[in-house]
């Protein structure tokens, strides 16, 4: 119902019922996203210390050396595979 008493028009509405939150909007989804972001940042830093770059594509992740060539000719590595490769090297 609208009220107009000569000032700013205000409308009172009821809020719609709460919907079920998507996975990205839950605490669990936020924590997973935060962990993945921190993991990625940590791996980028570790790769940078060795003169490598960590790149992402539609297929996965790749380590790039200073000559801009992929390490092991792979561009479909997961973050866990990147971490294990950095641990071995």
C-alpha atoms as a PDB file:
ATOM      1  CA  UNK A   1       0.000   0.000   0.000  1.00  0.00           C
ATOM      2  CA  UNK A   2       1.394   3.414  -0.958  1.00  0.00           C
ATOM      3  CA  UNK A   3       1.164   6.412   1.333  1.00  0.00           C
ATOM      4  CA  UNK A   4       1.603   9.903   0.104  1.00  0.00           C
ATOM      5  CA  UNK A   5       1.464  12.622   2.709  1.00  0.00           C
ATOM      6  CA  UNK A   6       3.090  15.358   0.695  1.00  0.00           C
ATOM      7  CA  UNK A   7       6.620  14.020   1.110  1.00  0.00           C
ATOM      8  CA  UNK A   8       8.600  11.229  -0.401  1.00  0.00           C
ATOM      9  CA  UNK A   9       6.415   8.373  -1.573  1.00  0.00           C
ATOM     10  CA  UNK A  10       7.034   5.199   0.380  1.00  0.00           C
ATOM     11  CA  UNK A  11       5.786   1.730  -0.436  1.00  0.00           C
ATOM     12  CA  UNK A  12       5.501  -1.032   2.114  1.00  0.00           C
ATOM     13  CA  UNK A  13       6.110  -4.511   0.793  1.00  0.00           C
ATOM     14  CA  UNK A  14       6.602  -7.829   2.434  1.00  0.00           C
ATOM     15  CA  UNK A  15       9.739  -9.772   1.707  1.00  0.00           C
ATOM     16  CA  UNK A  16       9.453 -12.878  -0.369  1.00  0.00           C
ATOM     17  CA  UNK A  17      10.059 -16.163   1.438  1.00  0.00           C
ATOM     18  CA  UNK A  18      13.692 -17.167   1.706  1.00  0.00           C
ATOM     19  CA  UNK A  19      14.893 -19.518  -0.985  1.00  0.00           C
ATOM     20  CA  UNK A  20      17.334 -22.324  -0.519  1.00  0.00           C
ATOM     21  CA  UNK A  21      20.815 -20.879  -0.882  1.00  0.00           C
ATOM     22  CA  UNK A  22      22.963 -22.147  -3.725  1.00  0.00           C
ATOM     23  CA  UNK A  23      26.187 -23.986  -2.917  1.00  0.00           C
ATOM     24  CA  UNK A  24      28.266 -20.873  -3.622  1.00  0.00           C
ATOM     25  CA  UNK A  25      26.253 -18.918  -1.071  1.00  0.00           C
ATOM     26  CA  UNK A  26      26.684 -21.299   1.842  1.00  0.00           C
ATOM     27  CA  UNK A  27      29.465 -21.230   4.394  1.00  0.00           C
ATOM     28  CA  UNK A  28      30.721 -24.556   3.106  1.00  0.00           C
ATOM     29  CA  UNK A  29      30.946 -23.227  -0.448  1.00  0.00           C
ATOM     30  CA  UNK A  30      32.672 -20.058   0.754  1.00  0.00           C
ATOM     31  CA  UNK A  31      35.207 -22.044   2.748  1.00  0.00           C
ATOM     32  CA  UNK A  32      35.955 -24.301  -0.222  1.00  0.00           C
ATOM     33  CA  UNK A  33      36.419 -21.296  -2.510  1.00  0.00           C
ATOM     34  CA  UNK A  34      38.706 -19.623   0.037  1.00  0.00           C
ATOM     35  CA  UNK A  35      40.797 -22.782   0.420  1.00  0.00           C
ATOM     36  CA  UNK A  36      41.164 -23.133  -3.350  1.00  0.00           C
ATOM     37  CA  UNK A  37      42.160 -19.481  -3.732  1.00  0.00           C
ATOM     38  CA  UNK A  38      44.764 -19.728  -0.963  1.00  0.00           C
ATOM     39  CA  UNK A  39      46.072 -23.016  -2.377  1.00  0.00           C
ATOM     40  CA  UNK A  40      46.424 -21.440  -5.825  1.00  0.00           C
ATOM     41  CA  UNK A  41      48.191 -18.380  -4.405  1.00  0.00           C
ATOM     42  CA  UNK A  42      50.601 -20.545  -2.413  1.00  0.00           C
ATOM     43  CA  UNK A  43      51.427 -22.661  -5.479  1.00  0.00           C
ATOM     44  CA  UNK A  44      51.939 -19.567  -7.672  1.00  0.00           C
ATOM     45  CA  UNK A  45      54.384 -18.221  -5.091  1.00  0.00           C
ATOM     46  CA  UNK A  46      56.272 -21.541  -4.887  1.00  0.00           C
ATOM     47  CA  UNK A  47      56.471 -21.769  -8.695  1.00  0.00           C
ATOM     48  CA  UNK A  48      57.674 -18.167  -8.907  1.00  0.00           C
ATOM     49  CA  UNK A  49      60.512 -18.934  -6.489  1.00  0.00           C
ATOM     50  CA  UNK A  50      61.754 -21.508  -9.036  1.00  0.00           C
ATOM     51  CA  UNK A  51      61.386 -19.138 -12.001  1.00  0.00           C
ATOM     52  CA  UNK A  52      58.169 -20.775 -13.214  1.00  0.00           C
ATOM     53  CA  UNK A  53      54.699 -19.389 -13.829  1.00  0.00           C
ATOM     54  CA  UNK A  54      51.448 -21.169 -13.026  1.00  0.00           C
ATOM     55  CA  UNK A  55      48.837 -20.733 -15.750  1.00  0.00           C
ATOM     56  CA  UNK A  56      45.218 -21.824 -15.965  1.00  0.00           C
ATOM     57  CA  UNK A  57      43.300 -22.899 -19.053  1.00  0.00           C
ATOM     58  CA  UNK A  58      40.006 -24.589 -19.815  1.00  0.00           C
ATOM     59  CA  UNK A  59      41.779 -27.954 -19.483  1.00  0.00           C
ATOM     60  CA  UNK A  60      43.558 -27.381 -16.169  1.00  0.00           C
ATOM     61  CA  UNK A  61      46.793 -25.857 -14.920  1.00  0.00           C
ATOM     62  CA  UNK A  62      50.270 -25.758 -16.445  1.00  0.00           C
ATOM     63  CA  UNK A  63      53.721 -24.755 -15.260  1.00  0.00           C
ATOM     64  CA  UNK A  64      55.498 -22.441 -17.708  1.00  0.00           C
ATOM     65  CA  UNK A  65      59.286 -21.975 -17.672  1.00  0.00           C
ATOM     66  CA  UNK A  66      61.253 -18.824 -18.543  1.00  0.00           C
ATOM     67  CA  UNK A  67      61.362 -19.800 -22.237  1.00  0.00           C
ATOM     68  CA  UNK A  68      57.530 -19.865 -22.172  1.00  0.00           C
ATOM     69  CA  UNK A  69      57.355 -23.636 -22.638  1.00  0.00           C
ATOM     70  CA  UNK A  70      55.144 -25.985 -20.638  1.00  0.00           C
ATOM     71  CA  UNK A  71      56.816 -28.245 -18.112  1.00  0.00           C
ATOM     72  CA  UNK A  72      56.324 -31.916 -19.103  1.00  0.00           C
ATOM     73  CA  UNK A  73      54.300 -30.636 -22.114  1.00  0.00           C
ATOM     74  CA  UNK A  74      51.149 -30.742 -20.008  1.00  0.00           C
ATOM     75  CA  UNK A  75      48.411 -28.163 -19.661  1.00  0.00           C
ATOM     76  CA  UNK A  76      45.846 -30.367 -17.925  1.00  0.00           C
ATOM     77  CA  UNK A  77      47.335 -30.709 -14.440  1.00  0.00           C
ATOM     78  CA  UNK A  78      45.297 -30.347 -11.275  1.00  0.00           C
ATOM     79  CA  UNK A  79      46.478 -28.210  -8.355  1.00  0.00           C
ATOM     80  CA  UNK A  80      47.411 -31.378  -6.451  1.00  0.00           C
ATOM     81  CA  UNK A  81      49.560 -32.550  -9.388  1.00  0.00           C
ATOM     82  CA  UNK A  82      51.239 -29.135  -9.533  1.00  0.00           C
ATOM     83  CA  UNK A  83      51.961 -29.333  -5.818  1.00  0.00           C
ATOM     84  CA  UNK A  84      53.456 -32.826  -6.072  1.00  0.00           C
ATOM     85  CA  UNK A  85      55.597 -31.730  -9.069  1.00  0.00           C
ATOM     86  CA  UNK A  86      56.922 -28.752  -7.081  1.00  0.00           C
ATOM     87  CA  UNK A  87      57.663 -31.042  -4.119  1.00  0.00           C
ATOM     88  CA  UNK A  88      59.671 -33.424  -6.326  1.00  0.00           C
ATOM     89  CA  UNK A  89      61.658 -30.739  -8.153  1.00  0.00           C
END
